[in-house]
C-alpha atoms as a PDB file:
ATOM      1  CA  UNK A   1     -45.821  27.628 -43.186  1.00  0.00           C
ATOM      2  CA  UNK A   2     -45.287  28.504 -46.851  1.00  0.00           C
ATOM      3  CA  UNK A   3     -46.229  30.931 -49.563  1.00  0.00           C
ATOM      4  CA  UNK A   4     -48.430  29.758 -52.379  1.00  0.00           C
ATOM      5  CA  UNK A   5     -48.086  31.830 -55.522  1.00  0.00           C
ATOM      6  CA  UNK A   6     -51.001  31.347 -57.896  1.00  0.00           C
ATOM      7  CA  UNK A   7     -52.633  34.195 -59.750  1.00  0.00           C
ATOM      8  CA  UNK A   8     -55.395  34.495 -62.317  1.00  0.00           C
ATOM      9  CA  UNK A   9     -55.936  30.732 -62.297  1.00  0.00           C
ATOM     10  CA  UNK A  10     -58.889  29.527 -64.337  1.00  0.00           C
ATOM     11  CA  UNK A  11     -60.847  26.429 -63.387  1.00  0.00           C
ATOM     12  CA  UNK A  12     -59.402  26.299 -59.879  1.00  0.00           C
ATOM     13  CA  UNK A  13     -61.702  25.520 -56.988  1.00  0.00           C
ATOM     14  CA  UNK A  14     -59.933  27.012 -53.955  1.00  0.00           C
ATOM     15  CA  UNK A  15     -62.519  25.503 -51.623  1.00  0.00           C
ATOM     16  CA  UNK A  16     -61.263  22.075 -52.687  1.00  0.00           C
ATOM     17  CA  UNK A  17     -57.841  22.664 -51.173  1.00  0.00           C
ATOM     18  CA  UNK A  18     -57.354  19.839 -48.728  1.00  0.00           C
ATOM     19  CA  UNK A  19     -54.588  18.818 -46.355  1.00  0.00           C
ATOM     20  CA  UNK A  20     -51.365  20.806 -46.109  1.00  0.00           C
ATOM     21  CA  UNK A  21     -48.413  20.193 -43.782  1.00  0.00           C
ATOM     22  CA  UNK A  22     -48.091  22.672 -40.944  1.00  0.00           C
ATOM     23  CA  UNK A  23     -45.007  21.358 -39.177  1.00  0.00           C
ATOM     24  CA  UNK A  24     -42.770  18.299 -38.941  1.00  0.00           C
ATOM     25  CA  UNK A  25     -41.495  16.747 -35.725  1.00  0.00           C
ATOM     26  CA  UNK A  26     -39.864  13.498 -34.675  1.00  0.00           C
ATOM     27  CA  UNK A  27     -41.193  10.629 -32.564  1.00  0.00           C
ATOM     28  CA  UNK A  28     -39.213   7.450 -31.916  1.00  0.00           C
ATOM     29  CA  UNK A  29     -36.687   8.385 -34.583  1.00  0.00           C
ATOM     30  CA  UNK A  30     -39.247   8.871 -37.362  1.00  0.00           C
ATOM     31  CA  UNK A  31     -40.841  12.027 -38.754  1.00  0.00           C
ATOM     32  CA  UNK A  32     -44.368  12.976 -37.763  1.00  0.00           C
ATOM     33  CA  UNK A  33     -46.300  15.580 -39.725  1.00  0.00           C
ATOM     34  CA  UNK A  34     -49.089  17.833 -38.467  1.00  0.00           C
ATOM     35  CA  UNK A  35     -51.659  18.481 -41.202  1.00  0.00           C
ATOM     36  CA  UNK A  36     -54.297  21.212 -41.428  1.00  0.00           C
ATOM     37  CA  UNK A  37     -57.146  21.659 -43.885  1.00  0.00           C
ATOM     38  CA  UNK A  38     -56.988  24.890 -45.826  1.00  0.00           C
ATOM     39  CA  UNK A  39     -59.335  26.528 -48.285  1.00  0.00           C
ATOM     40  CA  UNK A  40     -60.048  29.972 -49.642  1.00  0.00           C
ATOM     41  CA  UNK A  41     -58.233  32.336 -51.966  1.00  0.00           C
ATOM     42  CA  UNK A  42     -55.987  30.713 -54.594  1.00  0.00           C
ATOM     43  CA  UNK A  43     -53.370  33.400 -53.847  1.00  0.00           C
ATOM     44  CA  UNK A  44     -52.457  33.044 -50.217  1.00  0.00           C
ATOM     45  CA  UNK A  45     -49.761  33.518 -47.630  1.00  0.00           C
ATOM     46  CA  UNK A  46     -50.409  30.895 -44.992  1.00  0.00           C
ATOM     47  CA  UNK A  47     -49.128  31.705 -41.507  1.00  0.00           C
ATOM     48  CA  UNK A  48     -49.376  30.138 -38.079  1.00  0.00           C
ATOM     49  CA  UNK A  49     -51.935  32.801 -37.132  1.00  0.00           C
ATOM     50  CA  UNK A  50     -54.220  31.745 -39.945  1.00  0.00           C
ATOM     51  CA  UNK A  51     -53.864  28.030 -39.294  1.00  0.00           C
ATOM     52  CA  UNK A  52     -54.951  28.454 -35.680  1.00  0.00           C
ATOM     53  CA  UNK A  53     -58.389  29.299 -37.036  1.00  0.00           C
ATOM     54  CA  UNK A  54     -58.635  25.983 -38.850  1.00  0.00           C
ATOM     55  CA  UNK A  55     -60.864  23.422 -37.155  1.00  0.00           C
ATOM     56  CA  UNK A  56     -59.431  20.290 -38.747  1.00  0.00           C
ATOM     57  CA  UNK A  57     -55.976  19.124 -37.787  1.00  0.00           C
ATOM     58  CA  UNK A  58     -54.323  15.754 -37.957  1.00  0.00           C
ATOM     59  CA  UNK A  59     -51.014  14.434 -36.650  1.00  0.00           C
ATOM     60  CA  UNK A  60     -49.743  11.363 -38.431  1.00  0.00           C
ATOM     61  CA  UNK A  61     -46.433   9.530 -38.969  1.00  0.00           C
ATOM     62  CA  UNK A  62     -45.050  10.427 -42.361  1.00  0.00           C
ATOM     63  CA  UNK A  63     -44.942   6.765 -43.362  1.00  0.00           C
ATOM     64  CA  UNK A  64     -48.743   6.565 -42.870  1.00  0.00           C
ATOM     65  CA  UNK A  65     -49.693   9.514 -45.084  1.00  0.00           C
ATOM     66  CA  UNK A  66     -51.213   7.212 -47.677  1.00  0.00           C
ATOM     67  CA  UNK A  67     -53.881   6.279 -45.101  1.00  0.00           C
ATOM     68  CA  UNK A  68     -55.185   9.869 -44.781  1.00  0.00           C
ATOM     69  CA  UNK A  69     -58.487  10.472 -46.548  1.00  0.00           C
ATOM     70  CA  UNK A  70     -57.991  13.050 -49.309  1.00  0.00           C
ATOM     71  CA  UNK A  71     -54.255  12.515 -49.744  1.00  0.00           C
ATOM     72  CA  UNK A  72     -53.514  10.789 -53.031  1.00  0.00           C
ATOM     73  CA  UNK A  73     -49.837   9.886 -53.161  1.00  0.00           C
ATOM     74  CA  UNK A  74     -48.192   8.095 -56.037  1.00  0.00           C
ATOM     75  CA  UNK A  75     -46.319   8.698 -59.247  1.00  0.00           C
ATOM     76  CA  UNK A  76     -48.542  11.645 -60.200  1.00  0.00           C
ATOM     77  CA  UNK A  77     -48.074  13.426 -56.864  1.00  0.00           C
ATOM     78  CA  UNK A  78     -44.668  14.867 -57.695  1.00  0.00           C
ATOM     79  CA  UNK A  79     -43.642  18.406 -58.612  1.00  0.00           C
ATOM     80  CA  UNK A  80     -43.287  19.499 -62.210  1.00  0.00           C
ATOM     81  CA  UNK A  81     -40.003  21.163 -61.323  1.00  0.00           C
ATOM     82  CA  UNK A  82     -37.787  22.528 -58.567  1.00  0.00           C
ATOM     83  CA  UNK A  83     -36.244  25.983 -58.198  1.00  0.00           C
ATOM     84  CA  UNK A  84     -32.974  26.305 -56.300  1.00  0.00           C
ATOM     85  CA  UNK A  85     -31.030  29.547 -56.043  1.00  0.00           C
ATOM     86  CA  UNK A  86     -28.350  31.677 -54.492  1.00  0.00           C
ATOM     87  CA  UNK A  87     -29.823  34.167 -51.999  1.00  0.00           C
ATOM     88  CA  UNK A  88     -31.158  37.492 -53.305  1.00  0.00           C
ATOM     89  CA  UNK A  89     -30.900  36.355 -56.917  1.00  0.00           C
ATOM     90  CA  UNK A  90     -34.463  36.757 -58.170  1.00  0.00           C
ATOM     91  CA  UNK A  91     -35.970  33.344 -57.420  1.00  0.00           C
ATOM     92  CA  UNK A  92     -39.015  34.916 -55.754  1.00  0.00           C
ATOM     93  CA  UNK A  93     -39.549  37.098 -58.813  1.00  0.00           C
ATOM     94  CA  UNK A  94     -39.292  34.035 -61.064  1.00  0.00           C
ATOM     95  CA  UNK A  95     -41.808  32.180 -58.862  1.00  0.00           C
ATOM     96  CA  UNK A  96     -44.271  35.049 -59.066  1.00  0.00           C
ATOM     97  CA  UNK A  97     -43.928  35.252 -62.846  1.00  0.00           C
ATOM     98  CA  UNK A  98     -44.248  31.496 -63.382  1.00  0.00           C
ATOM     99  CA  UNK A  99     -47.525  31.488 -61.460  1.00  0.00           C
ATOM    100  CA  UNK A 100     -48.941  34.634 -63.064  1.00  0.00           C
ATOM    101  CA  UNK A 101     -50.641  32.828 -65.943  1.00  0.00           C
ATOM    102  CA  UNK A 102     -52.236  29.462 -66.478  1.00  0.00           C
ATOM    103  CA  UNK A 103     -53.123  27.020 -63.751  1.00  0.00           C
ATOM    104  CA  UNK A 104     -49.649  26.962 -62.245  1.00  0.00           C
ATOM    105  CA  UNK A 105     -48.877  27.098 -58.546  1.00  0.00           C
ATOM    106  CA  UNK A 106     -45.479  27.657 -56.944  1.00  0.00           C
ATOM    107  CA  UNK A 107     -45.036  26.500 -53.363  1.00  0.00           C
ATOM    108  CA  UNK A 108     -42.433  28.889 -51.979  1.00  0.00           C
ATOM    109  CA  UNK A 109     -40.027  27.827 -49.221  1.00  0.00           C
ATOM    110  CA  UNK A 110     -42.262  25.285 -47.449  1.00  0.00           C
ATOM    111  CA  UNK A 111     -41.117  25.191 -43.839  1.00  0.00           C
ATOM    112  CA  UNK A 112     -42.187  21.543 -43.208  1.00  0.00           C
ATOM    113  CA  UNK A 113     -39.853  20.364 -45.971  1.00  0.00           C
ATOM    114  CA  UNK A 114     -37.056  22.516 -44.575  1.00  0.00           C
ATOM    115  CA  UNK A 115     -37.716  21.088 -41.108  1.00  0.00           C
ATOM    116  CA  UNK A 116     -37.533  17.526 -42.425  1.00  0.00           C
ATOM    117  CA  UNK A 117     -34.125  18.223 -43.963  1.00  0.00           C
ATOM    118  CA  UNK A 118     -32.658  20.021 -40.949  1.00  0.00           C
ATOM    119  CA  UNK A 119     -34.247  18.443 -37.855  1.00  0.00           C
ATOM    120  CA  UNK A 120     -31.628  17.482 -35.267  1.00  0.00           C
ATOM    121  CA  UNK A 121     -33.391  14.170 -34.662  1.00  0.00           C
ATOM    122  CA  UNK A 122     -33.165  13.199 -38.342  1.00  0.00           C
ATOM    123  CA  UNK A 123     -29.862  14.697 -39.398  1.00  0.00           C
ATOM    124  CA  UNK A 124     -28.115  12.370 -41.796  1.00  0.00           C
ATOM    125  CA  UNK A 125     -30.993   9.882 -41.752  1.00  0.00           C
ATOM    126  CA  UNK A 126     -33.640  11.471 -44.008  1.00  0.00           C
ATOM    127  CA  UNK A 127     -35.018   8.995 -46.508  1.00  0.00           C
ATOM    128  CA  UNK A 128     -35.899  10.033 -50.064  1.00  0.00           C
ATOM    129  CA  UNK A 129     -39.377   8.541 -49.706  1.00  0.00           C
ATOM    130  CA  UNK A 130     -40.089  10.837 -46.746  1.00  0.00           C
ATOM    131  CA  UNK A 131     -39.263  13.882 -48.831  1.00  0.00           C
ATOM    132  CA  UNK A 132     -41.242  12.499 -51.773  1.00  0.00           C
ATOM    133  CA  UNK A 133     -44.371  11.895 -49.703  1.00  0.00           C
ATOM    134  CA  UNK A 134     -44.183  15.215 -47.849  1.00  0.00           C
ATOM    135  CA  UNK A 135     -43.973  17.114 -51.132  1.00  0.00           C
ATOM    136  CA  UNK A 136     -46.700  14.876 -52.489  1.00  0.00           C
ATOM    137  CA  UNK A 137     -49.194  16.258 -49.954  1.00  0.00           C
ATOM    138  CA  UNK A 138     -48.896  19.719 -51.488  1.00  0.00           C
ATOM    139  CA  UNK A 139     -49.114  18.379 -55.032  1.00  0.00           C
ATOM    140  CA  UNK A 140     -52.071  16.135 -54.232  1.00  0.00           C
ATOM    141  CA  UNK A 141     -54.150  18.912 -52.695  1.00  0.00           C
ATOM    142  CA  UNK A 142     -53.304  21.527 -55.323  1.00  0.00           C
ATOM    143  CA  UNK A 143     -53.920  19.104 -58.196  1.00  0.00           C
ATOM    144  CA  UNK A 144     -57.293  18.077 -56.744  1.00  0.00           C
ATOM    145  CA  UNK A 145     -58.359  21.736 -56.703  1.00  0.00           C
ATOM    146  CA  UNK A 146     -57.504  22.238 -60.386  1.00  0.00           C
ATOM    147  CA  UNK A 147     -53.856  23.261 -60.646  1.00  0.00           C
ATOM    148  CA  UNK A 148     -52.193  21.574 -63.595  1.00  0.00           C
ATOM    149  CA  UNK A 149     -48.574  22.296 -62.701  1.00  0.00           C
ATOM    150  CA  UNK A 150     -47.019  22.576 -59.262  1.00  0.00           C
ATOM    151  CA  UNK A 151     -43.475  23.809 -58.709  1.00  0.00           C
ATOM    152  CA  UNK A 152     -41.402  24.146 -55.550  1.00  0.00           C
ATOM    153  CA  UNK A 153     -39.052  27.010 -54.812  1.00  0.00           C
ATOM    154  CA  UNK A 154     -36.821  25.955 -51.923  1.00  0.00           C
ATOM    155  CA  UNK A 155     -34.689  27.942 -49.483  1.00  0.00           C
ATOM    156  CA  UNK A 156     -31.178  28.629 -50.754  1.00  0.00           C
ATOM    157  CA  UNK A 157     -29.434  26.237 -48.333  1.00  0.00           C
ATOM    158  CA  UNK A 158     -31.461  23.218 -49.481  1.00  0.00           C
ATOM    159  CA  UNK A 159     -29.275  22.929 -52.581  1.00  0.00           C
ATOM    160  CA  UNK A 160     -26.744  21.336 -50.233  1.00  0.00           C
ATOM    161  CA  UNK A 161     -29.173  18.354 -50.118  1.00  0.00           C
ATOM    162  CA  UNK A 162     -29.800  18.244 -53.848  1.00  0.00           C
ATOM    163  CA  UNK A 163     -28.761  14.590 -53.831  1.00  0.00           C
ATOM    164  CA  UNK A 164     -31.768  13.804 -51.651  1.00  0.00           C
ATOM    165  CA  UNK A 165     -34.137  15.655 -53.983  1.00  0.00           C
ATOM    166  CA  UNK A 166     -32.736  13.764 -56.971  1.00  0.00           C
ATOM    167  CA  UNK A 167     -33.245  10.454 -55.177  1.00  0.00           C
ATOM    168  CA  UNK A 168     -36.811  11.425 -54.226  1.00  0.00           C
ATOM    169  CA  UNK A 169     -37.714  12.694 -57.710  1.00  0.00           C
ATOM    170  CA  UNK A 170     -35.638  10.875 -60.358  1.00  0.00           C
ATOM    171  CA  UNK A 171     -35.395  12.865 -63.570  1.00  0.00           C
ATOM    172  CA  UNK A 172     -36.859  16.031 -62.019  1.00  0.00           C
ATOM    173  CA  UNK A 173     -36.106  19.256 -63.883  1.00  0.00           C
ATOM    174  CA  UNK A 174     -34.227  21.823 -61.825  1.00  0.00           C
ATOM    175  CA  UNK A 175     -33.858  25.549 -62.378  1.00  0.00           C
ATOM    176  CA  UNK A 176     -30.988  27.305 -60.566  1.00  0.00           C
ATOM    177  CA  UNK A 177     -31.158  31.097 -60.264  1.00  0.00           C
ATOM    178  CA  UNK A 178     -27.847  32.812 -59.605  1.00  0.00           C
ATOM    179  CA  UNK A 179     -26.279  36.238 -59.474  1.00  0.00           C
ATOM    180  CA  UNK A 180     -22.830  37.791 -59.369  1.00  0.00           C
ATOM    181  CA  UNK A 181     -21.305  36.352 -56.145  1.00  0.00           C
ATOM    182  CA  UNK A 182     -20.142  39.763 -54.906  1.00  0.00           C
ATOM    183  CA  UNK A 183     -23.677  41.147 -55.185  1.00  0.00           C
ATOM    184  CA  UNK A 184     -25.059  38.127 -53.345  1.00  0.00           C
ATOM    185  CA  UNK A 185     -22.479  38.251 -50.565  1.00  0.00           C
ATOM    186  CA  UNK A 186     -22.973  41.964 -49.893  1.00  0.00           C
ATOM    187  CA  UNK A 187     -26.726  41.475 -49.496  1.00  0.00           C
ATOM    188  CA  UNK A 188     -26.381  38.405 -47.261  1.00  0.00           C
ATOM    189  CA  UNK A 189     -23.939  40.230 -44.976  1.00  0.00           C
ATOM    190  CA  UNK A 190     -26.240  43.237 -44.793  1.00  0.00           C
ATOM    191  CA  UNK A 191     -29.288  41.174 -43.931  1.00  0.00           C
ATOM    192  CA  UNK A 192     -28.390  37.771 -42.595  1.00  0.00           C
ATOM    193  CA  UNK A 193     -30.241  34.793 -43.940  1.00  0.00           C
ATOM    194  CA  UNK A 194     -30.967  31.839 -41.645  1.00  0.00           C
ATOM    195  CA  UNK A 195     -27.790  29.891 -42.396  1.00  0.00           C
ATOM    196  CA  UNK A 196     -25.642  32.830 -41.259  1.00  0.00           C
ATOM    197  CA  UNK A 197     -26.699  32.238 -37.631  1.00  0.00           C
ATOM    198  CA  UNK A 198     -23.961  30.923 -35.355  1.00  0.00           C
ATOM    199  CA  UNK A 199     -25.906  27.786 -34.430  1.00  0.00           C
ATOM    200  CA  UNK A 200     -26.368  26.876 -38.109  1.00  0.00           C
ATOM    201  CA  UNK A 201     -22.738  27.078 -39.172  1.00  0.00           C
ATOM    202  CA  UNK A 202     -21.522  23.695 -38.029  1.00  0.00           C
ATOM    203  CA  UNK A 203     -24.481  22.059 -39.759  1.00  0.00           C
ATOM    204  CA  UNK A 204     -23.781  23.945 -42.996  1.00  0.00           C
ATOM    205  CA  UNK A 205     -20.041  23.364 -43.347  1.00  0.00           C
ATOM    206  CA  UNK A 206     -18.987  21.037 -40.532  1.00  0.00           C
ATOM    207  CA  UNK A 207     -17.255  21.833 -37.278  1.00  0.00           C
ATOM    208  CA  UNK A 208     -13.741  21.847 -38.719  1.00  0.00           C
ATOM    209  CA  UNK A 209     -14.560  23.860 -41.830  1.00  0.00           C
ATOM    210  CA  UNK A 210     -16.362  26.696 -40.080  1.00  0.00           C
ATOM    211  CA  UNK A 211     -14.016  27.050 -37.104  1.00  0.00           C
ATOM    212  CA  UNK A 212     -12.555  30.556 -36.734  1.00  0.00           C
ATOM    213  CA  UNK A 213     -14.217  31.885 -39.895  1.00  0.00           C
ATOM    214  CA  UNK A 214     -15.494  35.454 -39.827  1.00  0.00           C
ATOM    215  CA  UNK A 215     -18.824  36.326 -41.421  1.00  0.00           C
ATOM    216  CA  UNK A 216     -17.381  37.257 -44.821  1.00  0.00           C
ATOM    217  CA  UNK A 217     -15.336  34.090 -45.316  1.00  0.00           C
ATOM    218  CA  UNK A 218     -18.060  31.830 -43.939  1.00  0.00           C
ATOM    219  CA  UNK A 219     -20.601  33.409 -46.310  1.00  0.00           C
ATOM    220  CA  UNK A 220     -18.316  33.002 -49.318  1.00  0.00           C
ATOM    221  CA  UNK A 221     -17.536  29.379 -48.460  1.00  0.00           C
ATOM    222  CA  UNK A 222     -21.217  28.477 -48.159  1.00  0.00           C
ATOM    223  CA  UNK A 223     -22.052  30.169 -51.466  1.00  0.00           C
ATOM    224  CA  UNK A 224     -19.172  28.320 -53.102  1.00  0.00           C
ATOM    225  CA  UNK A 225     -20.368  24.991 -51.696  1.00  0.00           C
ATOM    226  CA  UNK A 226     -23.897  25.670 -52.994  1.00  0.00           C
ATOM    227  CA  UNK A 227     -22.532  26.195 -56.497  1.00  0.00           C
ATOM    228  CA  UNK A 228     -20.237  23.171 -56.239  1.00  0.00           C
ATOM    229  CA  UNK A 229     -23.054  20.834 -55.174  1.00  0.00           C
ATOM    230  CA  UNK A 230     -25.340  21.766 -58.019  1.00  0.00           C
ATOM    231  CA  UNK A 231     -22.489  21.830 -60.544  1.00  0.00           C
ATOM    232  CA  UNK A 232     -21.880  18.107 -59.996  1.00  0.00           C
ATOM    233  CA  UNK A 233     -25.551  17.093 -59.782  1.00  0.00           C
ATOM    234  CA  UNK A 234     -26.648  14.717 -62.563  1.00  0.00           C
ATOM    235  CA  UNK A 235     -30.074  16.302 -63.109  1.00  0.00           C
ATOM    236  CA  UNK A 236     -31.105  18.320 -66.126  1.00  0.00           C
ATOM    237  CA  UNK A 237     -30.450  21.865 -64.906  1.00  0.00           C
ATOM    238  CA  UNK A 238     -31.335  25.269 -66.299  1.00  0.00           C
ATOM    239  CA  UNK A 239     -29.123  28.109 -65.057  1.00  0.00           C
ATOM    240  CA  UNK A 240     -30.779  31.523 -64.970  1.00  0.00           C
ATOM    241  CA  UNK A 241     -28.733  34.653 -64.394  1.00  0.00           C
ATOM    242  CA  UNK A 242     -30.403  37.399 -62.362  1.00  0.00           C
ATOM    243  CA  UNK A 243     -29.681  39.764 -65.271  1.00  0.00           C
ATOM    244  CA  UNK A 244     -31.948  37.690 -67.552  1.00  0.00           C
ATOM    245  CA  UNK A 245     -35.040  38.324 -65.419  1.00  0.00           C
ATOM    246  CA  UNK A 246     -37.761  38.940 -66.236  1.00  0.00           C
ATOM    247  CA  UNK A 247     -37.092  38.404 -69.938  1.00  0.00           C
ATOM    248  CA  UNK A 248     -35.832  36.217 -71.500  1.00  0.00           C
ATOM    249  CA  UNK A 249     -35.401  34.293 -68.238  1.00  0.00           C
ATOM    250  CA  UNK A 250     -39.062  33.501 -67.605  1.00  0.00           C
ATOM    251  CA  UNK A 251     -39.540  32.382 -71.230  1.00  0.00           C
ATOM    252  CA  UNK A 252     -36.497  30.114 -70.973  1.00  0.00           C
ATOM    253  CA  UNK A 253     -37.796  28.599 -67.738  1.00  0.00           C
ATOM    254  CA  UNK A 254     -41.248  27.946 -69.187  1.00  0.00           C
ATOM    255  CA  UNK A 255     -39.701  26.258 -72.221  1.00  0.00           C
ATOM    256  CA  UNK A 256     -37.396  24.231 -69.962  1.00  0.00           C
ATOM    257  CA  UNK A 257     -40.353  23.034 -67.870  1.00  0.00           C
ATOM    258  CA  UNK A 258     -42.292  22.138 -71.027  1.00  0.00           C
ATOM    259  CA  UNK A 259     -44.824  24.963 -70.762  1.00  0.00           C
ATOM    260  CA  UNK A 260     -46.092  27.453 -73.318  1.00  0.00           C
ATOM    261  CA  UNK A 261     -44.765  30.978 -73.727  1.00  0.00           C
ATOM    262  CA  UNK A 262     -46.339  33.813 -71.675  1.00  0.00           C
ATOM    263  CA  UNK A 263     -49.827  34.791 -72.797  1.00  0.00           C
ATOM    264  CA  UNK A 264     -49.608  38.307 -71.382  1.00  0.00           C
ATOM    265  CA  UNK A 265     -46.053  39.618 -71.445  1.00  0.00           C
ATOM    266  CA  UNK A 266     -47.192  43.117 -70.497  1.00  0.00           C
ATOM    267  CA  UNK A 267     -48.730  41.848 -67.257  1.00  0.00           C
ATOM    268  CA  UNK A 268     -45.552  39.959 -66.439  1.00  0.00           C
ATOM    269  CA  UNK A 269     -43.544  43.119 -67.064  1.00  0.00           C
ATOM    270  CA  UNK A 270     -45.694  45.018 -64.572  1.00  0.00           C
ATOM    271  CA  UNK A 271     -45.147  42.306 -61.942  1.00  0.00           C
ATOM    272  CA  UNK A 272     -41.409  42.384 -62.619  1.00  0.00           C
ATOM    273  CA  UNK A 273     -41.275  46.062 -61.636  1.00  0.00           C
ATOM    274  CA  UNK A 274     -42.112  45.197 -58.024  1.00  0.00           C
ATOM    275  CA  UNK A 275     -39.581  44.379 -55.355  1.00  0.00           C
ATOM    276  CA  UNK A 276     -40.560  40.826 -54.367  1.00  0.00           C
ATOM    277  CA  UNK A 277     -38.378  40.402 -51.298  1.00  0.00           C
ATOM    278  CA  UNK A 278     -41.566  41.028 -49.305  1.00  0.00           C
ATOM    279  CA  UNK A 279     -44.766  39.878 -50.981  1.00  0.00           C
ATOM    280  CA  UNK A 280     -46.812  42.140 -48.717  1.00  0.00           C
ATOM    281  CA  UNK A 281     -45.163  45.300 -50.042  1.00  0.00           C
ATOM    282  CA  UNK A 282     -45.540  46.681 -53.573  1.00  0.00           C
ATOM    283  CA  UNK A 283     -42.391  48.765 -53.917  1.00  0.00           C
ATOM    284  CA  UNK A 284     -40.722  49.612 -57.203  1.00  0.00           C
ATOM    285  CA  UNK A 285     -37.780  47.400 -58.097  1.00  0.00           C
ATOM    286  CA  UNK A 286     -34.480  49.109 -58.783  1.00  0.00           C
ATOM    287  CA  UNK A 287     -31.250  47.774 -60.286  1.00  0.00           C
ATOM    288  CA  UNK A 288     -28.719  47.795 -57.445  1.00  0.00           C
ATOM    289  CA  UNK A 289     -25.815  45.893 -59.031  1.00  0.00           C
ATOM    290  CA  UNK A 290     -23.469  48.889 -59.289  1.00  0.00           C
ATOM    291  CA  UNK A 291     -24.083  50.079 -55.742  1.00  0.00           C
ATOM    292  CA  UNK A 292     -23.545  46.566 -54.362  1.00  0.00           C
ATOM    293  CA  UNK A 293     -20.159  46.289 -56.071  1.00  0.00           C
ATOM    294  CA  UNK A 294     -19.177  49.739 -54.865  1.00  0.00           C
ATOM    295  CA  UNK A 295     -19.949  48.803 -51.266  1.00  0.00           C
ATOM    296  CA  UNK A 296     -18.022  45.493 -51.314  1.00  0.00           C
ATOM    297  CA  UNK A 297     -14.659  45.577 -49.568  1.00  0.00           C
ATOM    298  CA  UNK A 298     -11.583  44.434 -51.534  1.00  0.00           C
ATOM    299  CA  UNK A 299     -11.364  41.386 -49.263  1.00  0.00           C
ATOM    300  CA  UNK A 300     -14.988  40.383 -49.887  1.00  0.00           C
ATOM    301  CA  UNK A 301     -14.452  40.748 -53.633  1.00  0.00           C
ATOM    302  CA  UNK A 302     -11.376  38.521 -53.382  1.00  0.00           C
ATOM    303  CA  UNK A 303     -13.234  35.890 -51.328  1.00  0.00           C
ATOM    304  CA  UNK A 304     -16.096  35.798 -53.818  1.00  0.00           C
ATOM    305  CA  UNK A 305     -13.678  35.557 -56.727  1.00  0.00           C
ATOM    306  CA  UNK A 306     -11.653  32.741 -55.162  1.00  0.00           C
ATOM    307  CA  UNK A 307     -14.305  30.704 -53.318  1.00  0.00           C
ATOM    308  CA  UNK A 308     -17.497  31.111 -55.367  1.00  0.00           C
ATOM    309  CA  UNK A 309     -16.749  32.116 -58.945  1.00  0.00           C
ATOM    310  CA  UNK A 310     -14.862  28.921 -60.015  1.00  0.00           C
ATOM    311  CA  UNK A 311     -17.750  26.601 -59.080  1.00  0.00           C
ATOM    312  CA  UNK A 312     -20.330  28.980 -60.525  1.00  0.00           C
ATOM    313  CA  UNK A 313     -18.360  29.143 -63.769  1.00  0.00           C
ATOM    314  CA  UNK A 314     -18.194  25.339 -63.979  1.00  0.00           C
ATOM    315  CA  UNK A 315     -21.953  25.228 -63.497  1.00  0.00           C
ATOM    316  CA  UNK A 316     -22.729  27.815 -66.172  1.00  0.00           C
ATOM    317  CA  UNK A 317     -20.231  26.274 -68.591  1.00  0.00           C
ATOM    318  CA  UNK A 318     -21.913  22.905 -68.099  1.00  0.00           C
ATOM    319  CA  UNK A 319     -25.343  24.439 -68.718  1.00  0.00           C
ATOM    320  CA  UNK A 320     -24.157  25.997 -71.969  1.00  0.00           C
ATOM    321  CA  UNK A 321     -22.555  22.762 -73.204  1.00  0.00           C
END
């Protein structure tokens, strides 16, 4: 379903957690959401296995969410900020650090939101209010249990629909985490992310664009399109380089989102030493930039330089202006 990062939260009543989306489907051309009631630890990784144990479930058209008891949608049920990113750039680390102090929760890669954006039955017809209300369920439940700020960290490909997020949440603050394109491409090609699958390619770039592309060129073109989309977005955007994490990156992000500086920098430093690709494993983080460059073929370096770097540079130049 999703990860919920929230650690050391004071004044949070986890038992008050209410409805959360489990999955999104389509009926008669409109989205239908299945809700489950969750409660328990304020630091959780919710999976299908765990939700099967839940007694209370509800299936409701997304347009009727306001009728569900315990769901308070409205102007206040919106995220405090959104985190977009290139793959393998440190966005999970940033999410963990943002939630490590204060009553802040980060909803990480919520599958129901991803399903709404990518469902075959809704492709090209998703309304901003659907996205707004679906995100509002998370915010409503977390706010009712005591969280003061709620952020969303989305999957990397969702930046291609940044226009929809801006329409759903006018004026929302957006943080974009990026990394050297060669380092990103090498990691994606080593361990394919979801949008590298053959059946996802036409949806990502279009049938004409992705025809006859090998993995390396397809990967570089998608990364370049991600950077291009966010470079032209009108929102207030903070660009964070992977090299600036944990510090000063986390301090810049807190300031950007209107929050106070870290209370316990030493604790954040300890968290930053862990490899956060897998939240269930506590392995020591190591700087792999040099080895990634060494393993990149000359062609992959050229593709990254030609197809990704120009858009990324426009984005970072805009952020500095």
